[in-house]
């Protein structure tokens, strides 16, 4: 794991939490594989490609919670796992209807040449 990969991921998480999907998506390879394993999640599955992640995953997530930037992701740790980076944290927020979110998560990233080629999300949405 390189420190530049960690820095790129930190910037992407900050941008995502602010609803800036264009900036956050810069860390994704054009052909990234994105896997959602979330328990209790409104959707699960696998998506291929940066555009699909932004349009089908992130935008759907934001719309479900009331718009980009309504829900943030607070990171706790960025862990070196050899050829992967594991990020632990929590999705947090409250929408205009009063629904709250405080869901622990673990994200596993595979990086190559400064961009993510694979991502897996493990979140318990039932808490």
N, C-alpha and C. Protein backbone atom coordinates (compact mmCIF):
# COMPACT_ATOMS: atom_id res chain seq x y z
N UNK A 1 0.86 -1.18 0.00
CA UNK A 1 0.00 0.00 0.00
C UNK A 1 0.90 1.23 0.00
N UNK A 2 0.63 2.15 -0.89
CA UNK A 2 1.41 3.38 -0.90
C UNK A 2 0.67 4.48 -0.17
N UNK A 3 1.43 5.40 0.37
CA UNK A 3 0.82 6.53 1.06
C UNK A 3 0.01 7.40 0.09
N UNK A 4 0.43 7.43 -1.17
CA UNK A 4 -0.34 8.21 -2.15
C UNK A 4 -1.71 7.57 -2.41
N UNK A 5 -1.78 6.22 -2.36
CA UNK A 5 -3.08 5.55 -2.49
C UNK A 5 -3.99 5.91 -1.32
N UNK A 6 -3.44 5.89 -0.12
CA UNK A 6 -4.22 6.25 1.07
C UNK A 6 -4.69 7.70 0.97
N UNK A 7 -3.80 8.59 0.56
CA UNK A 7 -4.17 10.00 0.42
C UNK A 7 -5.29 10.17 -0.61
N UNK A 8 -5.20 9.45 -1.72
CA UNK A 8 -6.24 9.54 -2.74
C UNK A 8 -7.58 9.05 -2.20
N UNK A 9 -7.56 7.97 -1.42
CA UNK A 9 -8.81 7.46 -0.84
C UNK A 9 -9.37 8.43 0.19
N UNK A 10 -8.52 9.02 1.01
CA UNK A 10 -9.00 10.00 2.00
C UNK A 10 -9.71 11.16 1.29
N UNK A 11 -9.11 11.65 0.22
CA UNK A 11 -9.73 12.75 -0.54
C UNK A 11 -11.06 12.31 -1.14
N UNK A 12 -11.12 11.08 -1.63
CA UNK A 12 -12.37 10.57 -2.22
C UNK A 12 -13.47 10.47 -1.17
N UNK A 13 -13.13 9.99 0.02
CA UNK A 13 -14.14 9.89 1.09
C UNK A 13 -14.65 11.27 1.48
N UNK A 14 -13.76 12.23 1.57
CA UNK A 14 -14.17 13.60 1.91
C UNK A 14 -15.10 14.16 0.84
N UNK A 15 -14.74 13.97 -0.41
CA UNK A 15 -15.57 14.47 -1.51
C UNK A 15 -16.93 13.78 -1.52
N UNK A 16 -16.96 12.46 -1.31
CA UNK A 16 -18.22 11.72 -1.28
C UNK A 16 -19.12 12.26 -0.18
N UNK A 17 -18.55 12.49 1.00
CA UNK A 17 -19.33 12.97 2.14
C UNK A 17 -19.92 14.36 1.90
N UNK A 18 -19.28 15.12 1.01
CA UNK A 18 -19.79 16.45 0.67
C UNK A 18 -20.71 16.41 -0.55
N UNK A 19 -20.93 15.22 -1.08
CA UNK A 19 -21.80 15.09 -2.25
C UNK A 19 -21.13 15.43 -3.56
N UNK A 20 -19.80 15.52 -3.56
CA UNK A 20 -19.05 15.85 -4.78
C UNK A 20 -18.61 14.56 -5.46
N UNK A 21 -19.54 13.95 -6.20
CA UNK A 21 -19.26 12.66 -6.81
C UNK A 21 -18.22 12.76 -7.92
N UNK A 22 -18.15 13.89 -8.60
CA UNK A 22 -17.16 14.06 -9.67
C UNK A 22 -15.75 13.96 -9.08
N UNK A 23 -15.52 14.64 -7.97
CA UNK A 23 -14.19 14.59 -7.33
C UNK A 23 -13.93 13.21 -6.74
N UNK A 24 -14.94 12.63 -6.09
CA UNK A 24 -14.76 11.32 -5.46
C UNK A 24 -14.46 10.24 -6.49
N UNK A 25 -15.04 10.35 -7.67
CA UNK A 25 -14.87 9.30 -8.68
C UNK A 25 -13.51 9.30 -9.34
N UNK A 26 -12.71 10.34 -9.11
CA UNK A 26 -11.37 10.38 -9.69
C UNK A 26 -10.49 9.24 -9.21
N UNK A 27 -10.81 8.66 -8.06
CA UNK A 27 -10.01 7.56 -7.51
C UNK A 27 -10.38 6.23 -8.17
N UNK A 28 -11.46 6.19 -8.94
CA UNK A 28 -11.93 4.95 -9.56
C UNK A 28 -11.31 4.75 -10.94
N UNK A 29 -10.83 3.53 -11.20
CA UNK A 29 -10.39 3.18 -12.54
C UNK A 29 -11.61 3.18 -13.46
N UNK A 30 -11.42 3.49 -14.74
CA UNK A 30 -12.57 3.48 -15.66
C UNK A 30 -13.32 2.15 -15.67
N UNK A 31 -12.62 1.05 -15.42
CA UNK A 31 -13.24 -0.28 -15.45
C UNK A 31 -13.35 -0.91 -14.06
N UNK A 32 -13.46 -0.08 -13.03
CA UNK A 32 -13.54 -0.57 -11.65
C UNK A 32 -14.69 -1.57 -11.49
N UNK A 33 -14.44 -2.57 -10.64
CA UNK A 33 -15.51 -3.48 -10.24
C UNK A 33 -15.95 -3.07 -8.84
N UNK A 34 -17.25 -2.84 -8.65
CA UNK A 34 -17.82 -2.33 -7.40
C UNK A 34 -18.82 -3.35 -6.87
N UNK A 35 -18.59 -3.86 -5.65
CA UNK A 35 -19.44 -4.90 -5.09
C UNK A 35 -20.04 -4.42 -3.78
N UNK A 36 -21.36 -4.50 -3.67
CA UNK A 36 -22.09 -4.14 -2.45
C UNK A 36 -22.61 -5.41 -1.79
N UNK A 37 -22.12 -5.68 -0.57
CA UNK A 37 -22.53 -6.86 0.19
C UNK A 37 -23.42 -6.50 1.36
N UNK A 38 -23.92 -5.30 1.45
CA UNK A 38 -24.59 -4.80 2.64
C UNK A 38 -25.80 -5.60 3.10
N UNK A 39 -25.83 -5.91 4.39
CA UNK A 39 -26.98 -6.56 5.01
C UNK A 39 -28.05 -5.49 5.22
N UNK A 40 -29.27 -5.74 4.75
CA UNK A 40 -30.35 -4.79 4.93
C UNK A 40 -30.29 -3.60 4.00
N UNK A 41 -29.41 -3.64 3.03
CA UNK A 41 -29.24 -2.54 2.10
C UNK A 41 -30.38 -2.53 1.09
N UNK A 42 -30.79 -1.34 0.65
CA UNK A 42 -31.86 -1.28 -0.35
C UNK A 42 -31.49 -2.01 -1.65
N UNK A 43 -30.21 -2.18 -1.89
CA UNK A 43 -29.76 -2.90 -3.07
C UNK A 43 -28.41 -3.54 -2.77
N UNK A 44 -28.12 -4.62 -3.44
CA UNK A 44 -26.82 -5.28 -3.38
C UNK A 44 -26.50 -5.72 -4.79
N UNK A 45 -25.23 -6.00 -5.03
CA UNK A 45 -24.87 -6.49 -6.35
C UNK A 45 -23.49 -6.05 -6.76
N UNK A 46 -23.22 -6.21 -8.03
CA UNK A 46 -21.92 -5.88 -8.60
C UNK A 46 -22.13 -4.95 -9.80
N UNK A 47 -21.34 -3.90 -9.86
CA UNK A 47 -21.38 -2.93 -10.95
C UNK A 47 -20.00 -2.85 -11.57
N UNK A 48 -19.95 -2.56 -12.85
CA UNK A 48 -18.68 -2.46 -13.57
C UNK A 48 -18.58 -1.09 -14.24
N UNK A 49 -17.48 -0.41 -13.97
CA UNK A 49 -17.20 0.87 -14.59
C UNK A 49 -17.52 2.06 -13.71
N UNK A 50 -16.69 3.08 -13.84
CA UNK A 50 -16.83 4.31 -13.04
C UNK A 50 -18.20 4.95 -13.23
N UNK A 51 -18.66 5.06 -14.47
CA UNK A 51 -19.96 5.70 -14.72
C UNK A 51 -21.09 4.95 -14.05
N UNK A 52 -21.04 3.64 -14.07
CA UNK A 52 -22.08 2.84 -13.43
C UNK A 52 -22.07 3.04 -11.92
N UNK A 53 -20.89 3.13 -11.33
CA UNK A 53 -20.80 3.36 -9.88
C UNK A 53 -21.43 4.70 -9.52
N UNK A 54 -21.06 5.74 -10.25
CA UNK A 54 -21.58 7.08 -9.94
C UNK A 54 -23.09 7.15 -10.20
N UNK A 55 -23.53 6.66 -11.34
CA UNK A 55 -24.94 6.82 -11.73
C UNK A 55 -25.87 5.81 -11.08
N UNK A 56 -25.42 4.58 -10.91
CA UNK A 56 -26.30 3.53 -10.42
C UNK A 56 -26.17 3.25 -8.93
N UNK A 57 -25.01 3.52 -8.36
CA UNK A 57 -24.81 3.23 -6.93
C UNK A 57 -24.87 4.53 -6.12
N UNK A 58 -23.93 5.43 -6.36
CA UNK A 58 -23.85 6.64 -5.53
C UNK A 58 -25.09 7.52 -5.68
N UNK A 59 -25.55 7.74 -6.90
CA UNK A 59 -26.71 8.60 -7.11
C UNK A 59 -27.96 7.97 -6.50
N UNK A 60 -28.13 6.66 -6.65
CA UNK A 60 -29.28 5.98 -6.03
C UNK A 60 -29.23 6.09 -4.52
N UNK A 61 -28.05 5.90 -3.95
CA UNK A 61 -27.87 6.02 -2.51
C UNK A 61 -28.24 7.43 -2.04
N UNK A 62 -27.74 8.44 -2.76
CA UNK A 62 -28.03 9.83 -2.39
C UNK A 62 -29.52 10.13 -2.51
N UNK A 63 -30.16 9.66 -3.56
CA UNK A 63 -31.59 9.91 -3.73
C UNK A 63 -32.40 9.23 -2.63
N UNK A 64 -32.01 8.04 -2.25
CA UNK A 64 -32.71 7.33 -1.19
C UNK A 64 -32.67 8.13 0.11
N UNK A 65 -31.54 8.79 0.38
CA UNK A 65 -31.38 9.55 1.62
C UNK A 65 -31.69 11.03 1.47
N UNK A 66 -32.15 11.47 0.31
CA UNK A 66 -32.62 12.85 0.19
C UNK A 66 -31.69 13.79 -0.54
N UNK A 67 -30.64 13.29 -1.16
CA UNK A 67 -29.76 14.13 -1.95
C UNK A 67 -28.31 13.97 -1.57
N UNK A 68 -27.41 14.33 -2.50
CA UNK A 68 -25.98 14.24 -2.22
C UNK A 68 -25.59 15.07 -1.01
N UNK A 69 -24.72 14.53 -0.19
CA UNK A 69 -24.22 15.25 0.98
C UNK A 69 -25.07 15.12 2.22
N UNK A 70 -26.26 14.50 2.13
CA UNK A 70 -27.12 14.33 3.30
C UNK A 70 -26.51 13.31 4.25
N UNK A 71 -25.95 12.26 3.69
CA UNK A 71 -25.30 11.21 4.48
C UNK A 71 -23.81 11.30 4.25
N UNK A 72 -23.06 11.28 5.34
CA UNK A 72 -21.61 11.29 5.25
C UNK A 72 -21.03 9.94 5.63
N UNK A 73 -19.76 9.81 5.40
CA UNK A 73 -19.06 8.60 5.78
C UNK A 73 -17.88 9.02 6.63
N UNK A 74 -17.92 8.67 7.90
CA UNK A 74 -16.83 8.99 8.82
C UNK A 74 -15.87 7.81 8.85
N UNK A 75 -14.64 8.05 8.45
CA UNK A 75 -13.65 6.97 8.44
C UNK A 75 -12.94 6.91 9.79
N UNK A 76 -12.62 5.67 10.19
CA UNK A 76 -11.86 5.45 11.42
C UNK A 76 -10.42 5.09 11.12
N UNK A 77 -10.23 4.08 10.28
CA UNK A 77 -8.89 3.57 10.01
C UNK A 77 -8.70 3.25 8.54
N UNK A 78 -7.48 3.40 8.07
CA UNK A 78 -7.04 2.94 6.76
C UNK A 78 -5.96 1.90 7.04
N UNK A 79 -6.26 0.63 6.78
CA UNK A 79 -5.39 -0.47 7.18
C UNK A 79 -4.69 -1.10 5.99
N UNK A 80 -3.39 -1.31 6.13
CA UNK A 80 -2.59 -1.98 5.11
C UNK A 80 -2.88 -3.48 5.17
N UNK A 81 -3.42 -4.02 4.10
CA UNK A 81 -3.71 -5.45 4.02
C UNK A 81 -2.97 -6.05 2.82
N UNK A 82 -1.72 -5.69 2.69
CA UNK A 82 -0.92 -6.19 1.57
C UNK A 82 -1.26 -5.45 0.30
N UNK A 83 -1.90 -6.14 -0.64
CA UNK A 83 -2.25 -5.50 -1.90
C UNK A 83 -3.61 -4.80 -1.85
N UNK A 84 -4.16 -4.70 -0.64
CA UNK A 84 -5.45 -4.04 -0.47
C UNK A 84 -5.38 -3.02 0.66
N UNK A 85 -6.32 -2.11 0.65
CA UNK A 85 -6.50 -1.15 1.74
C UNK A 85 -7.89 -1.38 2.31
N UNK A 86 -7.96 -1.58 3.62
CA UNK A 86 -9.24 -1.76 4.29
C UNK A 86 -9.55 -0.47 5.04
N UNK A 87 -10.72 0.08 4.80
CA UNK A 87 -11.16 1.31 5.46
C UNK A 87 -12.34 0.96 6.35
N UNK A 88 -12.24 1.30 7.63
CA UNK A 88 -13.36 1.10 8.54
C UNK A 88 -13.97 2.46 8.87
N UNK A 89 -15.26 2.44 9.16
CA UNK A 89 -15.93 3.69 9.48
C UNK A 89 -17.41 3.49 9.68
N UNK A 90 -18.17 4.59 9.48
CA UNK A 90 -19.62 4.57 9.68
C UNK A 90 -20.27 5.52 8.68
N UNK A 91 -21.39 5.08 8.12
CA UNK A 91 -22.26 5.98 7.38
C UNK A 91 -23.14 6.67 8.42
N UNK A 92 -23.19 8.00 8.39
CA UNK A 92 -23.98 8.74 9.37
C UNK A 92 -24.76 9.86 8.68
N UNK A 93 -25.93 10.18 9.25
CA UNK A 93 -26.70 11.30 8.73
C UNK A 93 -28.15 11.24 9.14
N UNK A 94 -28.87 12.28 8.80
CA UNK A 94 -30.30 12.38 9.05
C UNK A 94 -30.90 13.13 7.86
N UNK A 95 -31.98 12.57 7.31
CA UNK A 95 -32.59 13.22 6.16
C UNK A 95 -33.70 14.17 6.61
N UNK A 96 -34.32 14.84 5.64
CA UNK A 96 -35.35 15.84 5.95
C UNK A 96 -36.60 15.24 6.56
N UNK A 97 -36.79 13.93 6.43
CA UNK A 97 -37.94 13.26 7.02
C UNK A 97 -37.64 12.72 8.42
N UNK A 98 -36.42 12.95 8.89
CA UNK A 98 -36.06 12.52 10.23
C UNK A 98 -35.46 11.13 10.33
N UNK A 99 -35.31 10.43 9.20
CA UNK A 99 -34.66 9.12 9.24
C UNK A 99 -33.19 9.32 9.58
N UNK A 100 -32.70 8.51 10.49
CA UNK A 100 -31.29 8.61 10.86
C UNK A 100 -30.54 7.39 10.34
N UNK A 101 -29.27 7.58 10.15
CA UNK A 101 -28.40 6.50 9.70
C UNK A 101 -27.14 6.55 10.54
N UNK A 102 -26.78 5.42 11.10
CA UNK A 102 -25.51 5.25 11.81
C UNK A 102 -25.13 3.79 11.64
N UNK A 103 -24.50 3.48 10.51
CA UNK A 103 -24.22 2.10 10.13
C UNK A 103 -22.73 1.85 10.00
N UNK A 104 -22.19 0.90 10.79
CA UNK A 104 -20.77 0.57 10.68
C UNK A 104 -20.47 -0.10 9.34
N UNK A 105 -19.27 0.16 8.83
CA UNK A 105 -18.90 -0.41 7.54
C UNK A 105 -17.42 -0.75 7.49
N UNK A 106 -17.10 -1.64 6.58
CA UNK A 106 -15.72 -1.94 6.21
C UNK A 106 -15.67 -1.97 4.69
N UNK A 107 -14.72 -1.26 4.14
CA UNK A 107 -14.54 -1.19 2.70
C UNK A 107 -13.18 -1.79 2.35
N UNK A 108 -13.15 -2.63 1.36
CA UNK A 108 -11.91 -3.25 0.90
C UNK A 108 -11.63 -2.75 -0.51
N UNK A 109 -10.48 -2.09 -0.66
CA UNK A 109 -10.08 -1.49 -1.93
C UNK A 109 -8.85 -2.21 -2.48
N UNK A 110 -8.84 -2.45 -3.78
CA UNK A 110 -7.64 -2.91 -4.47
C UNK A 110 -7.21 -1.77 -5.39
N UNK A 111 -5.98 -1.31 -5.21
CA UNK A 111 -5.49 -0.16 -5.95
C UNK A 111 -4.41 -0.59 -6.94
N UNK A 112 -4.32 0.13 -8.06
CA UNK A 112 -3.28 -0.09 -9.05
C UNK A 112 -2.98 1.23 -9.73
N UNK A 113 -1.73 1.63 -9.70
CA UNK A 113 -1.31 2.88 -10.34
C UNK A 113 -2.13 4.08 -9.88
N UNK A 114 -2.48 4.10 -8.59
CA UNK A 114 -3.15 5.25 -8.01
C UNK A 114 -4.66 5.29 -8.14
N UNK A 115 -5.25 4.26 -8.74
CA UNK A 115 -6.71 4.22 -8.86
C UNK A 115 -7.24 2.87 -8.38
N UNK A 116 -8.50 2.88 -7.98
CA UNK A 116 -9.13 1.66 -7.47
C UNK A 116 -9.61 0.80 -8.64
N UNK A 117 -9.20 -0.47 -8.62
CA UNK A 117 -9.65 -1.42 -9.64
C UNK A 117 -10.77 -2.31 -9.11
N UNK A 118 -10.88 -2.41 -7.79
CA UNK A 118 -11.92 -3.24 -7.17
C UNK A 118 -12.29 -2.64 -5.82
N UNK A 119 -13.58 -2.72 -5.49
CA UNK A 119 -14.09 -2.22 -4.21
C UNK A 119 -15.14 -3.19 -3.72
N UNK A 120 -15.13 -3.47 -2.41
CA UNK A 120 -16.19 -4.27 -1.79
C UNK A 120 -16.64 -3.57 -0.52
N UNK A 121 -17.95 -3.42 -0.37
CA UNK A 121 -18.55 -2.75 0.78
C UNK A 121 -19.23 -3.78 1.66
N UNK A 122 -18.87 -3.77 2.94
CA UNK A 122 -19.50 -4.63 3.94
C UNK A 122 -20.10 -3.70 5.00
N UNK A 123 -21.41 -3.49 4.93
CA UNK A 123 -22.10 -2.57 5.83
C UNK A 123 -23.32 -3.26 6.40
N UNK A 124 -23.54 -3.04 7.70
CA UNK A 124 -24.76 -3.55 8.34
C UNK A 124 -25.77 -2.42 8.38
N UNK A 125 -26.68 -2.40 7.41
CA UNK A 125 -27.68 -1.34 7.31
C UNK A 125 -28.84 -1.56 8.26
N UNK A 126 -28.86 -2.68 8.99
CA UNK A 126 -29.99 -2.98 9.86
C UNK A 126 -29.86 -2.35 11.24
N UNK A 127 -28.72 -1.78 11.57
CA UNK A 127 -28.53 -1.20 12.91
C UNK A 127 -29.20 0.15 13.01
